[in-house]
Amino acid sequence: MGKRKSRKKPIQKPKKPTLDKVFNCPFCGHEKTVDCTISKSKGIGSVSCRVCQASYTAEVTHLDEAVDVYAEWIDKTVQANS
């Protein structure tokens, strides 16, 4: 009599963390209302709020992500207020 073959459990790969593309608006204070779109072919990234219609556009490179455009927008508003 032979021994039963045991099955190996499949190896589960850890999920890659993803970056957000929807953010909170610094002007109106609503959560998850700021959408960020990036057109890498044109080299333009835009951020706009669905509630208060605040918007910002910036030049992007192939390395930039949605978080980078949003952070640049926040930096420009803080710099303008000081």
C-alpha atoms as a PDB file:
ATOM      1  CA  MET A   1       0.000   0.000   0.000  1.00  0.00           C
ATOM      2  CA  GLY A   2       1.215   3.385  -0.914  1.00  0.00           C
ATOM      3  CA  LYS A   3       1.056   6.670   0.849  1.00  0.00           C
ATOM      4  CA  ARG A   4      -1.421   9.312  -0.391  1.00  0.00           C
ATOM      5  CA  LYS A   5       0.148  12.254  -2.108  1.00  0.00           C
ATOM      6  CA  SER A   6      -0.341  15.502  -0.253  1.00  0.00           C
ATOM      7  CA  ARG A   7      -1.304  18.627  -2.136  1.00  0.00           C
ATOM      8  CA  LYS A   8       0.709  21.751  -1.675  1.00  0.00           C
ATOM      9  CA  LYS A   9      -1.224  24.916  -0.999  1.00  0.00           C
ATOM     10  CA  PRO A  10      -0.779  27.560  -3.701  1.00  0.00           C
ATOM     11  CA  ILE A  11       1.545  30.378  -2.730  1.00  0.00           C
ATOM     12  CA  GLN A  12      -0.343  33.626  -2.223  1.00  0.00           C
ATOM     13  CA  LYS A  13       1.461  36.720  -3.374  1.00  0.00           C
ATOM     14  CA  PRO A  14       0.983  39.825  -1.228  1.00  0.00           C
ATOM     15  CA  LYS A  15      -1.166  42.502  -2.835  1.00  0.00           C
ATOM     16  CA  LYS A  16       0.618  45.594  -4.054  1.00  0.00           C
ATOM     17  CA  PRO A  17      -0.438  48.773  -2.277  1.00  0.00           C
ATOM     18  CA  THR A  18      -2.202  51.201  -4.618  1.00  0.00           C
ATOM     19  CA  LEU A  19      -2.140  54.974  -4.501  1.00  0.00           C
ATOM     20  CA  ASP A  20      -5.346  56.972  -4.164  1.00  0.00           C
ATOM     21  CA  LYS A  21      -6.846  58.885  -7.081  1.00  0.00           C
ATOM     22  CA  VAL A  22      -9.670  60.522  -5.088  1.00  0.00           C
ATOM     23  CA  PHE A  23      -8.857  62.980  -2.298  1.00  0.00           C
ATOM     24  CA  ASN A  24     -10.395  65.407   0.211  1.00  0.00           C
ATOM     25  CA  CYS A  25     -10.981  69.005  -0.885  1.00  0.00           C
ATOM     26  CA  PRO A  26      -8.983  71.610   1.075  1.00  0.00           C
ATOM     27  CA  PHE A  27     -11.409  74.406   0.155  1.00  0.00           C
ATOM     28  CA  CYS A  28     -14.885  73.024   0.832  1.00  0.00           C
ATOM     29  CA  GLY A  29     -13.853  70.276   3.269  1.00  0.00           C
ATOM     30  CA  HIS A  30     -15.834  67.466   1.626  1.00  0.00           C
ATOM     31  CA  GLU A  31     -14.280  64.027   1.688  1.00  0.00           C
ATOM     32  CA  LYS A  32     -13.458  62.030  -1.445  1.00  0.00           C
ATOM     33  CA  THR A  33     -14.631  64.713  -3.883  1.00  0.00           C
ATOM     34  CA  VAL A  34     -11.385  65.682  -5.613  1.00  0.00           C
ATOM     35  CA  ASP A  35     -10.665  63.648  -8.744  1.00  0.00           C
ATOM     36  CA  CYS A  36      -7.241  63.577 -10.339  1.00  0.00           C
ATOM     37  CA  THR A  37      -6.686  62.705 -13.986  1.00  0.00           C
ATOM     38  CA  ILE A  38      -3.339  62.460 -15.718  1.00  0.00           C
ATOM     39  CA  SER A  39      -2.728  62.504 -19.450  1.00  0.00           C
ATOM     40  CA  LYS A  40       0.843  61.308 -19.801  1.00  0.00           C
ATOM     41  CA  SER A  41       0.760  61.627 -23.588  1.00  0.00           C
ATOM     42  CA  LYS A  42      -0.055  65.353 -23.309  1.00  0.00           C
ATOM     43  CA  GLY A  43       2.001  65.843 -20.139  1.00  0.00           C
ATOM     44  CA  ILE A  44      -0.861  67.423 -18.187  1.00  0.00           C
ATOM     45  CA  GLY A  45      -2.333  66.469 -14.826  1.00  0.00           C
ATOM     46  CA  SER A  46      -5.560  68.027 -13.582  1.00  0.00           C
ATOM     47  CA  VAL A  47      -7.239  68.072 -10.189  1.00  0.00           C
ATOM     48  CA  SER A  48     -10.834  69.222  -9.682  1.00  0.00           C
ATOM     49  CA  CYS A  49     -13.431  69.143  -6.900  1.00  0.00           C
ATOM     50  CA  ARG A  50     -16.920  67.908  -7.798  1.00  0.00           C
ATOM     51  CA  VAL A  51     -18.618  70.071  -5.154  1.00  0.00           C
ATOM     52  CA  CYS A  52     -16.964  73.514  -5.176  1.00  0.00           C
ATOM     53  CA  GLN A  53     -15.509  73.289  -8.728  1.00  0.00           C
ATOM     54  CA  ALA A  54     -11.991  74.237  -7.538  1.00  0.00           C
ATOM     55  CA  SER A  55      -9.433  73.022 -10.054  1.00  0.00           C
ATOM     56  CA  TYR A  56      -5.720  72.978 -10.793  1.00  0.00           C
ATOM     57  CA  THR A  57      -3.625  71.800 -13.736  1.00  0.00           C
ATOM     58  CA  ALA A  58       0.079  71.070 -13.795  1.00  0.00           C
ATOM     59  CA  GLU A  59       2.714  69.689 -16.099  1.00  0.00           C
ATOM     60  CA  VAL A  60       3.634  66.081 -15.346  1.00  0.00           C
ATOM     61  CA  THR A  61       6.350  63.681 -16.385  1.00  0.00           C
ATOM     62  CA  HIS A  62       6.161  59.944 -16.911  1.00  0.00           C
ATOM     63  CA  LEU A  63       7.177  59.458 -13.253  1.00  0.00           C
ATOM     64  CA  ASP A  64       4.358  61.526 -11.697  1.00  0.00           C
ATOM     65  CA  GLU A  65       1.239  59.985 -10.189  1.00  0.00           C
ATOM     66  CA  ALA A  66      -2.118  61.407  -9.049  1.00  0.00           C
ATOM     67  CA  VAL A  67      -0.780  61.949  -5.524  1.00  0.00           C
ATOM     68  CA  ASP A  68       2.018  64.142  -6.870  1.00  0.00           C
ATOM     69  CA  VAL A  69      -0.375  66.482  -8.702  1.00  0.00           C
ATOM     70  CA  TYR A  70      -2.621  66.740  -5.625  1.00  0.00           C
ATOM     71  CA  ALA A  71       0.367  67.474  -3.354  1.00  0.00           C
ATOM     72  CA  GLU A  72       1.598  70.160  -5.742  1.00  0.00           C
ATOM     73  CA  TRP A  73      -1.879  71.750  -5.667  1.00  0.00           C
ATOM     74  CA  ILE A  74      -1.876  71.775  -1.865  1.00  0.00           C
ATOM     75  CA  ASP A  75       1.646  73.267  -1.823  1.00  0.00           C
ATOM     76  CA  LYS A  76       0.621  76.054  -4.216  1.00  0.00           C
ATOM     77  CA  THR A  77      -2.449  76.965  -2.147  1.00  0.00           C
ATOM     78  CA  VAL A  78      -0.413  77.074   1.087  1.00  0.00           C
ATOM     79  CA  GLN A  79       2.230  79.182  -0.627  1.00  0.00           C
ATOM     80  CA  ALA A  80      -0.416  81.587  -1.984  1.00  0.00           C
ATOM     81  CA  ASN A  81      -2.003  81.987   1.458  1.00  0.00           C
ATOM     82  CA  SER A  82       1.302  82.842   3.150  1.00  0.00           C
END
